[in-house]
C-alpha atoms as a PDB file:
ATOM      1  CA  MET A   1      -3.031 -11.344 -18.347  1.00  0.00           C
ATOM      2  CA  ASP A   2      -1.027 -14.076 -16.648  1.00  0.00           C
ATOM      3  CA  ARG A   3      -1.275 -14.242 -12.908  1.00  0.00           C
ATOM      4  CA  ASN A   4       1.687 -12.761 -11.019  1.00  0.00           C
ATOM      5  CA  PHE A   5       2.347 -15.561  -8.541  1.00  0.00           C
ATOM      6  CA  GLU A   6       2.191 -19.370  -8.382  1.00  0.00           C
ATOM      7  CA  LYS A   7       0.985 -19.079  -4.774  1.00  0.00           C
ATOM      8  CA  LEU A   8      -0.332 -16.271  -2.610  1.00  0.00           C
ATOM      9  CA  ALA A   9      -1.326 -15.907   1.016  1.00  0.00           C
ATOM     10  CA  PHE A  10      -4.379 -13.742   1.641  1.00  0.00           C
ATOM     11  CA  TRP A  11      -4.880 -11.939   5.021  1.00  0.00           C
ATOM     12  CA  ASP A  12      -8.047 -10.037   5.863  1.00  0.00           C
ATOM     13  CA  ASP A  13      -6.490  -8.387   8.856  1.00  0.00           C
ATOM     14  CA  PRO A  14      -9.178  -8.385  11.549  1.00  0.00           C
ATOM     15  CA  VAL A  15      -7.501  -5.709  13.679  1.00  0.00           C
ATOM     16  CA  SER A  16      -8.514  -2.060  13.253  1.00  0.00           C
ATOM     17  CA  ARG A  17      -5.188  -0.272  13.600  1.00  0.00           C
ATOM     18  CA  ASP A  18      -4.034   3.312  13.956  1.00  0.00           C
ATOM     19  CA  GLY A  19      -1.546   4.816  11.502  1.00  0.00           C
ATOM     20  CA  PRO A  20       1.742   3.828  13.102  1.00  0.00           C
ATOM     21  CA  ARG A  21       0.581   0.269  13.672  1.00  0.00           C
ATOM     22  CA  GLN A  22      -0.654  -0.059  10.097  1.00  0.00           C
ATOM     23  CA  MET A  23       2.844   0.870   8.905  1.00  0.00           C
ATOM     24  CA  ALA A  24       4.516  -1.367  11.468  1.00  0.00           C
ATOM     25  CA  CYS A  25       2.299  -4.290  10.450  1.00  0.00           C
ATOM     26  CA  ASP A  26       3.461  -4.046   6.801  1.00  0.00           C
ATOM     27  CA  GLU A  27       7.142  -3.935   7.761  1.00  0.00           C
ATOM     28  CA  ALA A  28       6.676  -6.930  10.102  1.00  0.00           C
ATOM     29  CA  LEU A  29       5.063  -8.847   7.208  1.00  0.00           C
ATOM     30  CA  ILE A  30       8.156  -8.361   5.039  1.00  0.00           C
ATOM     31  CA  HIS A  31      10.196 -10.239   7.676  1.00  0.00           C
ATOM     32  CA  ALA A  32       7.531 -12.916   8.108  1.00  0.00           C
ATOM     33  CA  ALA A  33       6.630 -13.601   4.484  1.00  0.00           C
ATOM     34  CA  GLN A  34       7.586 -17.001   3.085  1.00  0.00           C
ATOM     35  CA  LEU A  35       5.502 -16.383  -0.045  1.00  0.00           C
ATOM     36  CA  PRO A  36       3.657 -13.300  -1.386  1.00  0.00           C
ATOM     37  CA  ILE A  37       1.058 -11.942   1.024  1.00  0.00           C
ATOM     38  CA  LEU A  38      -1.910  -9.741   0.190  1.00  0.00           C
ATOM     39  CA  ARG A  39      -3.189  -7.884   3.316  1.00  0.00           C
ATOM     40  CA  ILE A  40      -6.407  -5.899   3.271  1.00  0.00           C
ATOM     41  CA  PHE A  41      -7.067  -3.781   6.324  1.00  0.00           C
ATOM     42  CA  ARG A  42      -9.231  -1.253   8.075  1.00  0.00           C
ATOM     43  CA  TRP A  43      -8.249   1.909   9.888  1.00  0.00           C
ATOM     44  CA  GLN A  44      -8.931   2.907  13.509  1.00  0.00           C
ATOM     45  CA  GLY A  45     -10.665   6.133  12.605  1.00  0.00           C
ATOM     46  CA  CYS A  46      -9.663   8.511   9.815  1.00  0.00           C
ATOM     47  CA  TRP A  47      -5.977   9.169   9.132  1.00  0.00           C
ATOM     48  CA  VAL A  48      -3.709  10.954   6.689  1.00  0.00           C
ATOM     49  CA  SER A  49      -0.565   9.172   5.594  1.00  0.00           C
ATOM     50  CA  ALA A  50       2.402  10.706   3.844  1.00  0.00           C
ATOM     51  CA  GLY A  51       5.207   9.121   1.852  1.00  0.00           C
ATOM     52  CA  TYR A  52       8.633   8.899   3.471  1.00  0.00           C
ATOM     53  CA  PHE A  53       9.976  12.029   1.828  1.00  0.00           C
ATOM     54  CA  ALA A  54       6.786  14.115   2.069  1.00  0.00           C
ATOM     55  CA  ASP A  55       6.707  17.385   4.001  1.00  0.00           C
ATOM     56  CA  ARG A  56       5.103  16.734   7.398  1.00  0.00           C
ATOM     57  CA  ASP A  57       4.360  20.345   8.255  1.00  0.00           C
ATOM     58  CA  LYS A  58       2.699  21.022   4.909  1.00  0.00           C
ATOM     59  CA  THR A  59       0.613  17.870   5.253  1.00  0.00           C
ATOM     60  CA  VAL A  60      -0.515  18.720   8.746  1.00  0.00           C
ATOM     61  CA  ARG A  61      -1.476  22.249   7.730  1.00  0.00           C
ATOM     62  CA  ALA A  62      -3.548  20.866   4.843  1.00  0.00           C
ATOM     63  CA  HIS A  63      -5.304  18.291   7.070  1.00  0.00           C
ATOM     64  CA  PRO A  64      -5.325  19.699  10.629  1.00  0.00           C
ATOM     65  CA  GLU A  65      -8.372  17.668  11.522  1.00  0.00           C
ATOM     66  CA  LEU A  66      -6.715  14.265  10.923  1.00  0.00           C
ATOM     67  CA  PRO A  67      -3.952  12.387  12.788  1.00  0.00           C
ATOM     68  CA  PHE A  68      -0.743  12.022  10.805  1.00  0.00           C
ATOM     69  CA  CYS A  69       1.381   8.997  10.034  1.00  0.00           C
ATOM     70  CA  ARG A  70       4.397   8.494   7.801  1.00  0.00           C
ATOM     71  CA  ARG A  71       4.693   5.558   5.454  1.00  0.00           C
ATOM     72  CA  TRP A  72       7.842   3.551   4.927  1.00  0.00           C
ATOM     73  CA  THR A  73       7.176   3.713   1.213  1.00  0.00           C
ATOM     74  CA  GLY A  74       7.475   6.842  -0.928  1.00  0.00           C
ATOM     75  CA  GLY A  75       4.649   8.653  -2.700  1.00  0.00           C
ATOM     76  CA  GLY A  76       2.418  11.561  -1.787  1.00  0.00           C
ATOM     77  CA  VAL A  77      -0.276  12.294   0.766  1.00  0.00           C
ATOM     78  CA  VAL A  78      -3.345  10.018   1.129  1.00  0.00           C
ATOM     79  CA  VAL A  79      -6.468  10.616   3.246  1.00  0.00           C
ATOM     80  CA  HIS A  80      -7.805   7.343   4.613  1.00  0.00           C
ATOM     81  CA  GLU A  81     -11.523   7.716   5.331  1.00  0.00           C
ATOM     82  CA  ARG A  82     -13.546   5.184   3.373  1.00  0.00           C
ATOM     83  CA  ASP A  83     -10.892   3.893   1.049  1.00  0.00           C
ATOM     84  CA  PHE A  84     -10.061   0.284   0.376  1.00  0.00           C
ATOM     85  CA  THR A  85      -6.432  -0.128   1.521  1.00  0.00           C
ATOM     86  CA  PHE A  86      -4.140  -3.089   0.950  1.00  0.00           C
ATOM     87  CA  ALA A  87      -0.523  -4.098   1.118  1.00  0.00           C
ATOM     88  CA  LEU A  88       1.219  -6.587  -1.148  1.00  0.00           C
ATOM     89  CA  ILE A  89       4.385  -8.153   0.198  1.00  0.00           C
ATOM     90  CA  VAL A  90       6.528  -9.877  -2.438  1.00  0.00           C
ATOM     91  CA  PRO A  91       9.632 -11.865  -1.256  1.00  0.00           C
ATOM     92  CA  ARG A  92      12.874 -11.252  -2.995  1.00  0.00           C
ATOM     93  CA  GLY A  93      12.879 -14.535  -4.999  1.00  0.00           C
ATOM     94  CA  GLU A  94       9.663 -13.658  -6.816  1.00  0.00           C
ATOM     95  CA  LYS A  95       9.959 -12.283 -10.367  1.00  0.00           C
ATOM     96  CA  LEU A  96       7.768  -9.277  -9.553  1.00  0.00           C
ATOM     97  CA  ALA A  97      10.173  -8.205  -6.778  1.00  0.00           C
ATOM     98  CA  GLY A  98      13.007  -8.032  -9.329  1.00  0.00           C
ATOM     99  CA  ARG A  99      11.206  -5.940 -11.892  1.00  0.00           C
ATOM    100  CA  PRO A 100      11.807  -2.132 -12.221  1.00  0.00           C
ATOM    101  CA  ALA A 101       9.571  -0.007 -10.050  1.00  0.00           C
ATOM    102  CA  GLY A 102       7.453   1.294 -12.912  1.00  0.00           C
ATOM    103  CA  GLU A 103       6.893  -2.178 -14.265  1.00  0.00           C
ATOM    104  CA  SER A 104       5.984  -3.792 -10.977  1.00  0.00           C
ATOM    105  CA  TYR A 105       3.595  -0.897 -10.299  1.00  0.00           C
ATOM    106  CA  ARG A 106       2.002  -1.443 -13.723  1.00  0.00           C
ATOM    107  CA  GLN A 107       1.620  -5.185 -13.195  1.00  0.00           C
ATOM    108  CA  ILE A 108      -0.026  -4.742  -9.821  1.00  0.00           C
ATOM    109  CA  HIS A 109      -2.447  -2.158 -11.169  1.00  0.00           C
ATOM    110  CA  LEU A 110      -3.310  -4.319 -14.157  1.00  0.00           C
ATOM    111  CA  ALA A 111      -4.359  -7.030 -11.698  1.00  0.00           C
ATOM    112  CA  LEU A 112      -6.280  -4.465  -9.626  1.00  0.00           C
ATOM    113  CA  ALA A 113      -8.113  -3.280 -12.754  1.00  0.00           C
ATOM    114  CA  LYS A 114      -9.009  -6.872 -13.635  1.00  0.00           C
ATOM    115  CA  ALA A 115     -10.386  -7.474 -10.160  1.00  0.00           C
ATOM    116  CA  LEU A 116     -12.437  -4.279 -10.410  1.00  0.00           C
ATOM    117  CA  ARG A 117     -13.866  -5.427 -13.749  1.00  0.00           C
ATOM    118  CA  ALA A 118     -14.986  -8.661 -12.064  1.00  0.00           C
ATOM    119  CA  HIS A 119     -17.069  -6.354  -9.742  1.00  0.00           C
ATOM    120  CA  GLY A 120     -18.492  -4.342 -12.675  1.00  0.00           C
ATOM    121  CA  ILE A 121     -16.116  -1.392 -12.468  1.00  0.00           C
ATOM    122  CA  GLU A 122     -14.340  -0.512 -15.737  1.00  0.00           C
ATOM    123  CA  ALA A 123     -11.171   1.290 -14.642  1.00  0.00           C
ATOM    124  CA  GLY A 124      -8.004   1.715 -16.743  1.00  0.00           C
ATOM    125  CA  LEU A 125      -4.384   2.640 -16.381  1.00  0.00           C
ATOM    126  CA  SER A 126      -3.382   6.280 -16.705  1.00  0.00           C
ATOM    127  CA  ALA A 127      -0.738   7.353 -19.148  1.00  0.00           C
ATOM    128  CA  ALA A 128      -0.308  10.698 -17.366  1.00  0.00           C
ATOM    129  CA  ALA A 129       2.845  11.615 -15.441  1.00  0.00           C
ATOM    130  CA  THR A 130       1.686  14.465 -13.246  1.00  0.00           C
ATOM    131  CA  ALA A 131       3.611  15.030 -10.013  1.00  0.00           C
ATOM    132  CA  MET A 132       1.241  15.838  -7.157  1.00  0.00           C
ATOM    133  CA  GLY A 133       1.816  16.326  -3.418  1.00  0.00           C
ATOM    134  CA  GLU A 134      -1.707  15.114  -2.718  1.00  0.00           C
ATOM    135  CA  CYS A 135      -1.720  11.595  -4.137  1.00  0.00           C
ATOM    136  CA  PHE A 136      -5.319  11.645  -5.353  1.00  0.00           C
ATOM    137  CA  ALA A 137      -5.245  15.214  -6.773  1.00  0.00           C
ATOM    138  CA  GLY A 138      -4.299  13.671 -10.093  1.00  0.00           C
ATOM    139  CA  PRO A 139      -2.914  10.485 -11.648  1.00  0.00           C
ATOM    140  CA  VAL A 140       0.670   9.546 -12.451  1.00  0.00           C
ATOM    141  CA  GLU A 141       1.602   6.921 -14.952  1.00  0.00           C
ATOM    142  CA  HIS A 142      -0.036   3.541 -14.336  1.00  0.00           C
ATOM    143  CA  ASP A 143      -2.469   4.782 -11.663  1.00  0.00           C
ATOM    144  CA  LEU A 144      -6.053   3.621 -12.145  1.00  0.00           C
ATOM    145  CA  VAL A 145      -8.589   6.072 -13.463  1.00  0.00           C
ATOM    146  CA  LEU A 146     -12.396   5.881 -13.860  1.00  0.00           C
ATOM    147  CA  ASP A 147     -14.166   8.406 -16.113  1.00  0.00           C
ATOM    148  CA  GLY A 148     -11.029  10.583 -16.019  1.00  0.00           C
ATOM    149  CA  THR A 149     -10.711  10.543 -12.236  1.00  0.00           C
ATOM    150  CA  LYS A 150      -7.966   8.774 -10.319  1.00  0.00           C
ATOM    151  CA  ILE A 151      -9.331   6.021  -8.132  1.00  0.00           C
ATOM    152  CA  ALA A 152      -6.241   4.005  -7.183  1.00  0.00           C
ATOM    153  CA  GLY A 153      -2.631   4.763  -6.446  1.00  0.00           C
ATOM    154  CA  GLY A 154       0.194   3.230  -4.503  1.00  0.00           C
ATOM    155  CA  ALA A 155       3.797   3.442  -3.423  1.00  0.00           C
ATOM    156  CA  GLN A 156       6.623   0.965  -3.078  1.00  0.00           C
ATOM    157  CA  ARG A 157       9.730   0.142  -1.130  1.00  0.00           C
ATOM    158  CA  ARG A 158      12.366  -2.451  -1.781  1.00  0.00           C
ATOM    159  CA  THR A 159      14.597  -4.080   0.842  1.00  0.00           C
ATOM    160  CA  HIS A 160      16.927  -7.108   0.823  1.00  0.00           C
ATOM    161  CA  LYS A 161      13.859  -9.083   1.870  1.00  0.00           C
ATOM    162  CA  GLY A 162      11.747  -8.063  -1.148  1.00  0.00           C
ATOM    163  CA  LEU A 163       9.074  -5.601  -2.252  1.00  0.00           C
ATOM    164  CA  LEU A 164       6.328  -3.808  -0.306  1.00  0.00           C
ATOM    165  CA  HIS A 165       3.557  -2.197  -2.241  1.00  0.00           C
ATOM    166  CA  GLN A 166       0.981  -0.124  -0.372  1.00  0.00           C
ATOM    167  CA  GLY A 167      -2.213   0.759  -2.260  1.00  0.00           C
ATOM    168  CA  SER A 168      -5.404   2.716  -1.806  1.00  0.00           C
ATOM    169  CA  VAL A 169      -8.619   2.625  -3.830  1.00  0.00           C
ATOM    170  CA  GLN A 170     -10.788   5.708  -3.312  1.00  0.00           C
ATOM    171  CA  GLY A 171     -14.355   6.672  -4.186  1.00  0.00           C
ATOM    172  CA  LEU A 172     -15.714   3.088  -4.375  1.00  0.00           C
ATOM    173  CA  PRO A 173     -17.480   2.481  -1.054  1.00  0.00           C
ATOM    174  CA  GLY A 174     -18.426  -1.090  -0.316  1.00  0.00           C
ATOM    175  CA  LEU A 175     -15.173  -2.802  -1.459  1.00  0.00           C
ATOM    176  CA  GLY A 176     -14.220  -5.239   1.271  1.00  0.00           C
ATOM    177  CA  ARG A 177     -13.287  -8.808   1.942  1.00  0.00           C
ATOM    178  CA  GLY A 178     -15.121 -10.017  -1.141  1.00  0.00           C
ATOM    179  CA  PHE A 179     -13.176  -7.692  -3.381  1.00  0.00           C
ATOM    180  CA  GLY A 180      -9.968  -8.526  -1.542  1.00  0.00           C
ATOM    181  CA  LYS A 181     -10.472 -12.248  -2.300  1.00  0.00           C
ATOM    182  CA  THR A 182     -11.140 -11.365  -5.965  1.00  0.00           C
ATOM    183  CA  LEU A 183      -7.848  -9.411  -6.084  1.00  0.00           C
ATOM    184  CA  ALA A 184      -6.028 -12.289  -4.412  1.00  0.00           C
ATOM    185  CA  HIS A 185      -7.306 -14.796  -7.016  1.00  0.00           C
ATOM    186  CA  THR A 186      -6.467 -12.298  -9.789  1.00  0.00           C
ATOM    187  CA  LEU A 187      -2.886 -12.217  -8.582  1.00  0.00           C
ATOM    188  CA  SER A 188      -2.628 -16.020  -8.174  1.00  0.00           C
ATOM    189  CA  SER A 189      -4.587 -19.142  -9.041  1.00  0.00           C
ATOM    190  CA  SER A 190      -3.494 -20.750  -5.725  1.00  0.00           C
ATOM    191  CA  VAL A 191      -4.573 -18.701  -2.705  1.00  0.00           C
ATOM    192  CA  GLU A 192      -4.422 -19.743   0.913  1.00  0.00           C
ATOM    193  CA  GLU A 193      -5.431 -17.872   4.083  1.00  0.00           C
ATOM    194  CA  TRP A 194      -2.547 -16.364   6.035  1.00  0.00           C
ATOM    195  CA  ALA A 195      -2.353 -16.724   9.773  1.00  0.00           C
ATOM    196  CA  ALA A 196      -0.177 -14.435  11.874  1.00  0.00           C
ATOM    197  CA  PRO A 197       2.626 -16.134  13.844  1.00  0.00           C
ATOM    198  CA  ARG A 198       2.228 -16.162  17.656  1.00  0.00           C
ATOM    199  CA  ASP A 199       4.506 -13.265  18.307  1.00  0.00           C
ATOM    200  CA  PHE A 200       3.496 -11.196  15.313  1.00  0.00           C
ATOM    201  CA  GLU A 201       1.434  -8.621  17.176  1.00  0.00           C
ATOM    202  CA  GLU A 202       4.290  -8.104  19.637  1.00  0.00           C
ATOM    203  CA  GLN A 203       6.557  -7.359  16.723  1.00  0.00           C
ATOM    204  CA  VAL A 204       4.021  -4.847  15.405  1.00  0.00           C
ATOM    205  CA  GLU A 205       3.763  -3.127  18.758  1.00  0.00           C
ATOM    206  CA  THR A 206       7.549  -2.872  19.095  1.00  0.00           C
ATOM    207  CA  LEU A 207       7.964  -1.452  15.587  1.00  0.00           C
ATOM    208  CA  ALA A 208       5.162   1.026  16.165  1.00  0.00           C
ATOM    209  CA  LYS A 209       6.619   2.211  19.454  1.00  0.00           C
ATOM    210  CA  ASP A 210      10.270   2.263  18.427  1.00  0.00           C
ATOM    211  CA  LYS A 211       9.840   3.651  14.866  1.00  0.00           C
ATOM    212  CA  TYR A 212       6.486   4.670  13.397  1.00  0.00           C
ATOM    213  CA  ALA A 213       5.187   6.585  16.395  1.00  0.00           C
ATOM    214  CA  CYS A 214       8.510   8.289  17.116  1.00  0.00           C
ATOM    215  CA  ALA A 215       8.851  12.031  16.548  1.00  0.00           C
ATOM    216  CA  ASP A 216      12.056  11.651  14.543  1.00  0.00           C
ATOM    217  CA  PHE A 217      10.421   9.268  12.033  1.00  0.00           C
ATOM    218  CA  LEU A 218       7.299  11.424  11.786  1.00  0.00           C
ATOM    219  CA  ARG A 219       9.413  14.489  11.020  1.00  0.00           C
ATOM    220  CA  GLY A 220      10.952  12.682   8.044  1.00  0.00           C
ATOM    221  CA  PRO A 221      14.515  12.188   6.751  1.00  0.00           C
ATOM    222  CA  ARG A 222      17.148  14.849   7.042  1.00  0.00           C
ATOM    223  CA  ARG A 223      18.825  13.766   3.826  1.00  0.00           C
ATOM    224  CA  ALA A 224      17.080  12.286   0.749  1.00  0.00           C
ATOM    225  CA  ASN A 225      19.762   9.638   0.379  1.00  0.00           C
ATOM    226  CA  ASN A 226      19.182   8.197   3.833  1.00  0.00           C
ATOM    227  CA  LEU A 227      16.598   5.812   2.458  1.00  0.00           C
ATOM    228  CA  ALA A 228      16.003   4.116  -0.916  1.00  0.00           C
ATOM    229  CA  ALA A 229      12.180   4.468  -1.077  1.00  0.00           C
ATOM    230  CA  VAL A 230      10.454   4.136  -4.449  1.00  0.00           C
ATOM    231  CA  ALA A 231       7.698   6.687  -5.001  1.00  0.00           C
ATOM    232  CA  THR A 232       5.224   6.013  -7.755  1.00  0.00           C
ATOM    233  CA  SER A 233       2.264   8.126  -6.775  1.00  0.00           C
END
């Protein structure tokens, strides 16, 4: 498999963030990205995230013990406890950003499967197309499965700036910076460390306060056509 990018920036985000700040960080990265960026990150405690169009009340009833956040991307409900989570930001000029949603999803998961194989884990792409509210209750097409069980899914959003893919790998404790760097080098043969601009954290705080922690955003859209979010898991 050819690598997806000529150059890639890798960011092992050192800040443990809550749900709204995780989502704000990914949106801020879209505006800051000059080349593709792979961010791996850790959560401040356990959270449940739901895709932009997911039902908040239903999610909260199913997971009353966990704080709730809403993603900017589509997709279903994901519990973040010991998962490996990452975001891939692809600027508009990159080929992957221009591919159809299903194909970009497949390409990213092919790279993820190759990185897992380098760590001795033989996962493959699913051919299933099962719609599930709970993202990891079952696979959809091009999710990653291991011994028949879904272990990786994701969701996407496209803007005039490019593509945001948010992904989660479940059930494989111990994946961390080492695996993140393997994934980065699977995506590109030229990888550099990414450093946040001076005012980046201020942008994250502003987005979290003004958008992702707001009650209106957490409730979800009133009309499905308010937002063009691409849901693939």
